[in-house]
Amino acid sequence: MNDSGPRLQARSKIRLEIDGEPVFGQGREELLRLIQKETLINAAAKAMGIPYRKAWTYIDAMEILQRRARRRVSPVPVFPLPAVESKAAA
């Protein structure tokens, strides 16, 4: 079967946000991969064609929002505890 018509492709992009602020997306993923490869933020920024300051702003925003999210999430589920009566009070 030889189709010369257009091919239908499904694509999606995922972006993680905290309180409506982007934390992680395709551009930030690319930046982190390039930093890992190049070992320097400046080299990664140049490879992406963005200024060093913008790359640093992305990294700083990811760190700030990650810290903010960690403070909100309790590592242990919080359930109301039943009241415990002391025997001394009885």
Protein backbone atom coordinates (compact mmCIF):
# COMPACT_ATOMS: atom_id res chain seq x y z
CA MET A 1 0.00 0.00 0.00
CA ASN A 2 1.55 3.28 -1.10
CA ASP A 3 0.01 6.36 0.53
CA SER A 4 1.25 9.70 -0.66
CA GLY A 5 -1.20 11.68 1.49
CA PRO A 6 -0.45 13.46 4.76
CA ARG A 7 0.34 11.31 7.78
CA LEU A 8 -1.58 11.90 10.96
CA GLN A 9 0.58 12.01 14.09
CA ALA A 10 -0.44 12.46 17.70
CA ARG A 11 1.88 14.68 19.75
CA SER A 12 1.70 16.25 23.16
CA LYS A 13 3.80 18.46 25.39
CA ILE A 14 3.82 18.22 29.13
CA ARG A 15 4.71 21.11 31.39
CA LEU A 16 4.73 20.86 35.16
CA GLU A 17 3.46 23.89 37.06
CA ILE A 18 3.15 24.88 40.70
CA ASP A 19 0.56 27.57 41.38
CA GLY A 20 0.46 28.36 37.66
CA GLU A 21 4.21 28.90 37.40
CA PRO A 22 6.12 26.59 35.06
CA VAL A 23 8.57 24.36 36.88
CA PHE A 24 9.61 21.96 34.19
CA GLY A 25 8.99 21.64 30.48
CA GLN A 26 10.69 20.83 27.20
CA GLY A 27 13.05 23.83 27.25
CA ARG A 28 14.16 23.28 30.82
CA GLU A 29 14.65 19.58 30.16
CA GLU A 30 16.86 20.43 27.20
CA LEU A 31 18.84 22.90 29.33
CA LEU A 32 19.46 20.32 32.06
CA ARG A 33 20.53 17.69 29.52
CA LEU A 34 22.93 20.14 27.91
CA ILE A 35 24.36 21.15 31.28
CA GLN A 36 24.97 17.47 32.02
CA LYS A 37 26.67 17.05 28.63
CA GLU A 38 28.64 20.31 28.57
CA THR A 39 29.21 20.53 32.37
CA LEU A 40 28.90 24.32 32.21
CA ILE A 41 25.75 26.45 32.29
CA ASN A 42 27.32 28.95 29.90
CA ALA A 43 28.16 26.26 27.33
CA ALA A 44 24.66 24.78 27.60
CA ALA A 45 23.08 28.22 27.17
CA LYS A 46 25.18 28.86 24.05
CA ALA A 47 24.20 25.46 22.64
CA MET A 48 20.53 26.39 23.13
CA GLY A 49 21.02 29.88 21.73
CA ILE A 50 19.87 31.63 24.91
CA PRO A 51 21.72 34.10 27.15
CA TYR A 52 23.48 32.78 30.26
CA ARG A 53 21.22 34.95 32.42
CA LYS A 54 18.08 33.31 31.01
CA ALA A 55 19.53 29.82 31.62
CA TRP A 56 20.39 30.80 35.19
CA THR A 57 16.88 32.20 35.69
CA TYR A 58 15.38 28.87 34.55
CA ILE A 59 17.55 26.93 36.99
CA ASP A 60 16.86 29.34 39.85
CA ALA A 61 13.09 29.19 39.23
CA MET A 62 13.14 25.37 39.19
CA GLU A 63 15.01 25.30 42.51
CA ILE A 64 12.79 27.89 44.21
CA LEU A 65 9.56 26.21 43.12
CA GLN A 66 10.89 22.78 44.06
CA ARG A 67 11.71 24.00 47.59
CA ARG A 68 8.27 25.60 47.86
CA ALA A 69 6.61 22.33 46.80
CA ARG A 70 8.66 20.31 49.30
CA ARG A 71 7.50 22.49 52.16
CA ARG A 72 3.87 21.84 51.23
CA VAL A 73 4.17 18.08 50.96
CA SER A 74 4.46 16.23 54.23
CA PRO A 75 6.54 13.05 53.98
CA VAL A 76 4.16 11.36 56.42
CA PRO A 77 0.40 11.44 55.81
CA VAL A 78 -1.30 13.73 58.30
CA PHE A 79 -4.35 12.19 59.92
CA PRO A 80 -6.22 13.49 62.95
CA LEU A 81 -5.09 11.51 65.98
CA PRO A 82 -7.59 10.33 68.56
CA ALA A 83 -7.45 12.11 71.89
CA VAL A 84 -5.40 10.20 74.45
CA GLU A 85 -6.43 10.50 78.06
CA SER A 86 -3.78 10.46 80.73
CA LYS A 87 -4.26 7.95 83.56
CA ALA A 88 -2.97 10.57 85.98
CA ALA A 89 -5.88 12.85 85.09
CA ALA A 90 -8.44 10.12 85.77
